[in-house]
């Protein structure tokens, strides 16, 4: 875990993914799910494990913090009042800085094939989910994660029960919508 055989790190993958998304990604959940699908495309392990909003990776979270502290990306946070009794809602946005763009160019020069794969993957996600909606990406990532963890082919009707074992609630309708998205991304046959 932590880098590809050729040395691409989670930090590199995060920078390349943000760049491929047009230089800006809104939402921590969205960048986590984009990174999840990038890891799938690269056949790499970026440390994604089952978590409340779907596959989550501490190395990706750390890479986001590292790039923000290193001034490769800006991290902005907006607060929205919660209308429930919980805490305010926070929306994070990540945008490449000039130094980040320069670093992406250096990473591309070293890891061209992986950078190209990340670009193709993020472009496919963007085509299927133009606004990188984190709820849509989260549901698709959950379903892909569930199916990829099975030792045998999984029937669509089994997915809600398997999701429940991970603490996720997924309806048959959500399964159907996400499966179409995953097929469009060529992640399910």
C-alpha atoms as a PDB file:
ATOM      1  CA  UNK A   1       0.000   0.000   0.000  1.00  0.00           C
ATOM      2  CA  UNK A   2       1.080   3.566  -0.511  1.00  0.00           C
ATOM      3  CA  UNK A   3       2.637   3.576  -3.959  1.00  0.00           C
ATOM      4  CA  UNK A   4       2.602   1.759  -7.224  1.00  0.00           C
ATOM      5  CA  UNK A   5       5.422  -0.573  -8.163  1.00  0.00           C
ATOM      6  CA  UNK A   6       6.899   2.250 -10.231  1.00  0.00           C
ATOM      7  CA  UNK A   7       6.790   4.664  -7.292  1.00  0.00           C
ATOM      8  CA  UNK A   8       3.677   6.810  -7.822  1.00  0.00           C
ATOM      9  CA  UNK A   9       2.685   7.902  -4.299  1.00  0.00           C
ATOM     10  CA  UNK A  10      -0.802   8.712  -2.962  1.00  0.00           C
ATOM     11  CA  UNK A  11       0.305  12.368  -2.971  1.00  0.00           C
ATOM     12  CA  UNK A  12       1.239  12.130  -6.662  1.00  0.00           C
ATOM     13  CA  UNK A  13      -2.057  10.399  -7.452  1.00  0.00           C
ATOM     14  CA  UNK A  14      -4.047  13.083  -5.597  1.00  0.00           C
ATOM     15  CA  UNK A  15      -2.270  15.910  -7.446  1.00  0.00           C
ATOM     16  CA  UNK A  16      -2.768  14.181 -10.795  1.00  0.00           C
ATOM     17  CA  UNK A  17      -6.443  13.510 -10.023  1.00  0.00           C
ATOM     18  CA  UNK A  18      -7.129  17.140  -9.072  1.00  0.00           C
ATOM     19  CA  UNK A  19      -5.352  18.257 -12.230  1.00  0.00           C
ATOM     20  CA  UNK A  20      -7.349  15.799 -14.358  1.00  0.00           C
ATOM     21  CA  UNK A  21     -10.561  17.147 -12.791  1.00  0.00           C
ATOM     22  CA  UNK A  22      -9.772  20.592 -14.183  1.00  0.00           C
ATOM     23  CA  UNK A  23      -7.622  21.769 -11.290  1.00  0.00           C
ATOM     24  CA  UNK A  24     -10.397  21.886  -8.689  1.00  0.00           C
ATOM     25  CA  UNK A  25     -12.413  19.283  -6.778  1.00  0.00           C
ATOM     26  CA  UNK A  26     -15.230  20.162  -4.389  1.00  0.00           C
ATOM     27  CA  UNK A  27     -15.651  17.862  -1.425  1.00  0.00           C
ATOM     28  CA  UNK A  28     -13.452  15.553   0.607  1.00  0.00           C
ATOM     29  CA  UNK A  29     -15.806  12.688  -0.164  1.00  0.00           C
ATOM     30  CA  UNK A  30     -15.589  13.405  -3.894  1.00  0.00           C
ATOM     31  CA  UNK A  31     -11.772  13.384  -3.916  1.00  0.00           C
ATOM     32  CA  UNK A  32     -11.746  10.179  -1.842  1.00  0.00           C
ATOM     33  CA  UNK A  33     -14.035   8.455  -4.367  1.00  0.00           C
ATOM     34  CA  UNK A  34     -12.125   9.799  -7.371  1.00  0.00           C
ATOM     35  CA  UNK A  35      -8.935   8.468  -5.740  1.00  0.00           C
ATOM     36  CA  UNK A  36     -10.662   5.125  -5.156  1.00  0.00           C
ATOM     37  CA  UNK A  37     -11.508   4.784  -8.859  1.00  0.00           C
ATOM     38  CA  UNK A  38      -8.002   5.961  -9.788  1.00  0.00           C
ATOM     39  CA  UNK A  39      -6.575   3.179  -7.600  1.00  0.00           C
ATOM     40  CA  UNK A  40      -8.868   0.664  -9.321  1.00  0.00           C
ATOM     41  CA  UNK A  41      -7.732   1.867 -12.750  1.00  0.00           C
ATOM     42  CA  UNK A  42      -4.075   1.656 -11.728  1.00  0.00           C
ATOM     43  CA  UNK A  43      -4.643  -1.731 -10.045  1.00  0.00           C
ATOM     44  CA  UNK A  44      -3.033  -0.130  -7.002  1.00  0.00           C
ATOM     45  CA  UNK A  45      -3.853  -0.027  -3.321  1.00  0.00           C
ATOM     46  CA  UNK A  46      -4.151   3.513  -2.013  1.00  0.00           C
ATOM     47  CA  UNK A  47      -5.396   2.191   1.315  1.00  0.00           C
ATOM     48  CA  UNK A  48      -9.154   2.356   0.757  1.00  0.00           C
ATOM     49  CA  UNK A  49     -11.195   0.527   3.382  1.00  0.00           C
ATOM     50  CA  UNK A  50     -14.909   0.384   4.199  1.00  0.00           C
ATOM     51  CA  UNK A  51     -16.042   3.612   5.860  1.00  0.00           C
ATOM     52  CA  UNK A  52     -19.332   5.411   6.443  1.00  0.00           C
ATOM     53  CA  UNK A  53     -19.393   7.250   3.086  1.00  0.00           C
ATOM     54  CA  UNK A  54     -17.884   4.365   1.149  1.00  0.00           C
ATOM     55  CA  UNK A  55     -14.273   3.396   0.556  1.00  0.00           C
ATOM     56  CA  UNK A  56     -11.995   5.777   2.459  1.00  0.00           C
ATOM     57  CA  UNK A  57      -8.204   6.046   2.550  1.00  0.00           C
ATOM     58  CA  UNK A  58      -6.103   7.582   5.306  1.00  0.00           C
ATOM     59  CA  UNK A  59      -3.127   7.871   2.914  1.00  0.00           C
ATOM     60  CA  UNK A  60      -5.328   9.916   0.534  1.00  0.00           C
ATOM     61  CA  UNK A  61      -6.500  12.107   3.432  1.00  0.00           C
ATOM     62  CA  UNK A  62      -2.885  12.561   4.497  1.00  0.00           C
ATOM     63  CA  UNK A  63      -1.872  13.371   0.897  1.00  0.00           C
ATOM     64  CA  UNK A  64      -4.536  16.101   0.760  1.00  0.00           C
ATOM     65  CA  UNK A  65      -3.246  17.618   3.995  1.00  0.00           C
ATOM     66  CA  UNK A  66       0.344  17.311   2.822  1.00  0.00           C
ATOM     67  CA  UNK A  67      -0.330  19.035  -0.496  1.00  0.00           C
ATOM     68  CA  UNK A  68      -2.241  21.834   1.251  1.00  0.00           C
ATOM     69  CA  UNK A  69       0.539  22.360   3.797  1.00  0.00           C
ATOM     70  CA  UNK A  70       3.104  22.232   0.994  1.00  0.00           C
ATOM     71  CA  UNK A  71       1.139  24.904  -0.873  1.00  0.00           C
ATOM     72  CA  UNK A  72       0.555  22.649  -3.887  1.00  0.00           C
ATOM     73  CA  UNK A  73      -3.208  22.963  -3.434  1.00  0.00           C
ATOM     74  CA  UNK A  74      -5.377  25.431  -1.614  1.00  0.00           C
ATOM     75  CA  UNK A  75      -7.944  23.986   0.743  1.00  0.00           C
ATOM     76  CA  UNK A  76     -10.932  26.204   1.366  1.00  0.00           C
ATOM     77  CA  UNK A  77     -13.798  25.437   3.674  1.00  0.00           C
ATOM     78  CA  UNK A  78     -17.319  26.839   3.620  1.00  0.00           C
ATOM     79  CA  UNK A  79     -19.707  26.389   6.530  1.00  0.00           C
ATOM     80  CA  UNK A  80     -23.407  25.903   6.031  1.00  0.00           C
ATOM     81  CA  UNK A  81     -25.791  25.944   8.982  1.00  0.00           C
ATOM     82  CA  UNK A  82     -27.261  22.596   9.857  1.00  0.00           C
ATOM     83  CA  UNK A  83     -31.026  22.620  10.033  1.00  0.00           C
ATOM     84  CA  UNK A  84     -30.942  19.465  12.127  1.00  0.00           C
ATOM     85  CA  UNK A  85     -29.568  19.355  15.631  1.00  0.00           C
ATOM     86  CA  UNK A  86     -26.071  18.406  14.423  1.00  0.00           C
ATOM     87  CA  UNK A  87     -22.991  20.489  13.727  1.00  0.00           C
ATOM     88  CA  UNK A  88     -22.691  22.851  10.766  1.00  0.00           C
ATOM     89  CA  UNK A  89     -22.046  21.278   7.375  1.00  0.00           C
ATOM     90  CA  UNK A  90     -18.601  21.911   5.938  1.00  0.00           C
ATOM     91  CA  UNK A  91     -17.710  21.870   2.265  1.00  0.00           C
ATOM     92  CA  UNK A  92     -14.052  21.642   1.338  1.00  0.00           C
ATOM     93  CA  UNK A  93     -12.665  22.630  -2.045  1.00  0.00           C
ATOM     94  CA  UNK A  94      -9.225  21.701  -3.320  1.00  0.00           C
ATOM     95  CA  UNK A  95      -7.579  23.702  -6.104  1.00  0.00           C
ATOM     96  CA  UNK A  96      -4.111  23.397  -7.580  1.00  0.00           C
ATOM     97  CA  UNK A  97      -1.796  26.350  -6.994  1.00  0.00           C
ATOM     98  CA  UNK A  98       0.864  27.506  -9.454  1.00  0.00           C
ATOM     99  CA  UNK A  99       3.405  25.383  -7.554  1.00  0.00           C
ATOM    100  CA  UNK A 100       0.977  22.465  -7.750  1.00  0.00           C
ATOM    101  CA  UNK A 101       0.668  22.818 -11.517  1.00  0.00           C
ATOM    102  CA  UNK A 102       4.478  22.794 -11.781  1.00  0.00           C
ATOM    103  CA  UNK A 103       4.676  19.698  -9.613  1.00  0.00           C
ATOM    104  CA  UNK A 104       2.010  17.949 -11.704  1.00  0.00           C
ATOM    105  CA  UNK A 105       4.145  18.619 -14.802  1.00  0.00           C
ATOM    106  CA  UNK A 106       7.146  17.029 -13.068  1.00  0.00           C
ATOM    107  CA  UNK A 107       5.087  14.017 -11.973  1.00  0.00           C
ATOM    108  CA  UNK A 108       3.748  13.621 -15.526  1.00  0.00           C
ATOM    109  CA  UNK A 109       7.304  13.694 -16.881  1.00  0.00           C
ATOM    110  CA  UNK A 110       8.316  10.871 -14.524  1.00  0.00           C
ATOM    111  CA  UNK A 111       5.121   8.788 -14.503  1.00  0.00           C
ATOM    112  CA  UNK A 112       3.599   9.454 -17.908  1.00  0.00           C
ATOM    113  CA  UNK A 113       1.716   6.162 -18.305  1.00  0.00           C
ATOM    114  CA  UNK A 114       0.128   6.327 -14.854  1.00  0.00           C
ATOM    115  CA  UNK A 115      -0.654  10.040 -15.296  1.00  0.00           C
ATOM    116  CA  UNK A 116      -2.378   9.256 -18.591  1.00  0.00           C
ATOM    117  CA  UNK A 117      -4.397   6.469 -16.945  1.00  0.00           C
ATOM    118  CA  UNK A 118      -5.483   8.842 -14.175  1.00  0.00           C
ATOM    119  CA  UNK A 119      -6.539  11.435 -16.762  1.00  0.00           C
ATOM    120  CA  UNK A 120      -8.568   8.866 -18.723  1.00  0.00           C
ATOM    121  CA  UNK A 121     -10.207   7.623 -15.509  1.00  0.00           C
ATOM    122  CA  UNK A 122     -11.104  11.075 -14.194  1.00  0.00           C
ATOM    123  CA  UNK A 123     -12.368  12.115 -17.645  1.00  0.00           C
ATOM    124  CA  UNK A 124     -14.653   9.046 -17.710  1.00  0.00           C
ATOM    125  CA  UNK A 125     -15.943   9.850 -14.226  1.00  0.00           C
ATOM    126  CA  UNK A 126     -16.517  13.474 -15.218  1.00  0.00           C
ATOM    127  CA  UNK A 127     -18.421  12.407 -18.324  1.00  0.00           C
ATOM    128  CA  UNK A 128     -20.666  10.126 -16.244  1.00  0.00           C
ATOM    129  CA  UNK A 129     -20.965  12.496 -13.254  1.00  0.00           C
ATOM    130  CA  UNK A 130     -20.314  16.015 -14.626  1.00  0.00           C
ATOM    131  CA  UNK A 131     -20.377  17.753 -11.246  1.00  0.00           C
ATOM    132  CA  UNK A 132     -18.480  14.973  -9.421  1.00  0.00           C
ATOM    133  CA  UNK A 133     -21.520  14.665  -7.141  1.00  0.00           C
ATOM    134  CA  UNK A 134     -20.167  13.033  -4.002  1.00  0.00           C
ATOM    135  CA  UNK A 135     -23.370  11.120  -3.259  1.00  0.00           C
ATOM    136  CA  UNK A 136     -23.367   9.516  -6.708  1.00  0.00           C
ATOM    137  CA  UNK A 137     -19.649   8.753  -6.526  1.00  0.00           C
ATOM    138  CA  UNK A 138     -19.998   7.408  -2.992  1.00  0.00           C
ATOM    139  CA  UNK A 139     -22.776   4.998  -3.932  1.00  0.00           C
ATOM    140  CA  UNK A 140     -20.907   3.753  -7.012  1.00  0.00           C
ATOM    141  CA  UNK A 141     -17.702   3.301  -4.997  1.00  0.00           C
ATOM    142  CA  UNK A 142     -19.560   1.377  -2.280  1.00  0.00           C
ATOM    143  CA  UNK A 143     -21.058  -0.996  -4.819  1.00  0.00           C
ATOM    144  CA  UNK A 144     -17.775  -1.494  -6.653  1.00  0.00           C
ATOM    145  CA  UNK A 145     -16.025  -2.105  -3.335  1.00  0.00           C
ATOM    146  CA  UNK A 146     -18.627  -4.708  -2.325  1.00  0.00           C
ATOM    147  CA  UNK A 147     -18.495  -6.542  -5.651  1.00  0.00           C
ATOM    148  CA  UNK A 148     -14.689  -6.480  -5.777  1.00  0.00           C
ATOM    149  CA  UNK A 149     -14.476  -8.037  -2.293  1.00  0.00           C
ATOM    150  CA  UNK A 150     -16.486 -11.118  -3.291  1.00  0.00           C
ATOM    151  CA  UNK A 151     -14.805 -14.366  -4.302  1.00  0.00           C
ATOM    152  CA  UNK A 152     -17.560 -15.196  -6.769  1.00  0.00           C
ATOM    153  CA  UNK A 153     -19.907 -13.276  -9.057  1.00  0.00           C
ATOM    154  CA  UNK A 154     -22.404 -11.222  -7.076  1.00  0.00           C
ATOM    155  CA  UNK A 155     -26.063 -10.963  -7.971  1.00  0.00           C
ATOM    156  CA  UNK A 156     -27.448  -7.431  -7.899  1.00  0.00           C
ATOM    157  CA  UNK A 157     -30.149  -8.493  -5.441  1.00  0.00           C
ATOM    158  CA  UNK A 158     -27.429  -9.572  -2.962  1.00  0.00           C
ATOM    159  CA  UNK A 159     -25.723  -6.174  -2.829  1.00  0.00           C
ATOM    160  CA  UNK A 160     -28.069  -4.474  -0.301  1.00  0.00           C
ATOM    161  CA  UNK A 161     -27.528  -7.300   2.221  1.00  0.00           C
ATOM    162  CA  UNK A 162     -23.755  -7.265   1.650  1.00  0.00           C
ATOM    163  CA  UNK A 163     -23.784  -3.480   2.074  1.00  0.00           C
ATOM    164  CA  UNK A 164     -25.668  -3.839   5.331  1.00  0.00           C
ATOM    165  CA  UNK A 165     -22.840  -6.033   6.671  1.00  0.00           C
ATOM    166  CA  UNK A 166     -20.530  -3.035   6.182  1.00  0.00           C
ATOM    167  CA  UNK A 167     -22.983  -0.640   7.824  1.00  0.00           C
ATOM    168  CA  UNK A 168     -24.142   0.813   4.507  1.00  0.00           C
ATOM    169  CA  UNK A 169     -27.784   1.144   3.508  1.00  0.00           C
ATOM    170  CA  UNK A 170     -28.270   0.707  -0.202  1.00  0.00           C
ATOM    171  CA  UNK A 171     -31.591   0.229  -1.945  1.00  0.00           C
ATOM    172  CA  UNK A 172     -32.140  -1.912  -5.022  1.00  0.00           C
ATOM    173  CA  UNK A 173     -32.850   1.296  -6.968  1.00  0.00           C
ATOM    174  CA  UNK A 174     -29.491   2.760  -5.908  1.00  0.00           C
ATOM    175  CA  UNK A 175     -27.806  -0.482  -6.927  1.00  0.00           C
ATOM    176  CA  UNK A 176     -29.401  -0.319 -10.382  1.00  0.00           C
ATOM    177  CA  UNK A 177     -28.347   3.337 -10.937  1.00  0.00           C
ATOM    178  CA  UNK A 178     -24.818   2.740  -9.705  1.00  0.00           C
ATOM    179  CA  UNK A 179     -24.357  -0.440 -11.704  1.00  0.00           C
ATOM    180  CA  UNK A 180     -25.190   1.506 -14.872  1.00  0.00           C
ATOM    181  CA  UNK A 181     -22.610   4.127 -13.915  1.00  0.00           C
ATOM    182  CA  UNK A 182     -20.005   1.450 -13.178  1.00  0.00           C
ATOM    183  CA  UNK A 183     -20.717  -0.252 -16.506  1.00  0.00           C
ATOM    184  CA  UNK A 184     -20.298   3.108 -18.213  1.00  0.00           C
ATOM    185  CA  UNK A 185     -16.901   3.396 -16.529  1.00  0.00           C
ATOM    186  CA  UNK A 186     -16.155  -0.162 -17.694  1.00  0.00           C
ATOM    187  CA  UNK A 187     -15.717  -1.300 -14.082  1.00  0.00           C
ATOM    188  CA  UNK A 188     -18.455  -3.930 -14.212  1.00  0.00           C
ATOM    189  CA  UNK A 189     -19.463  -6.241 -17.018  1.00  0.00           C
END
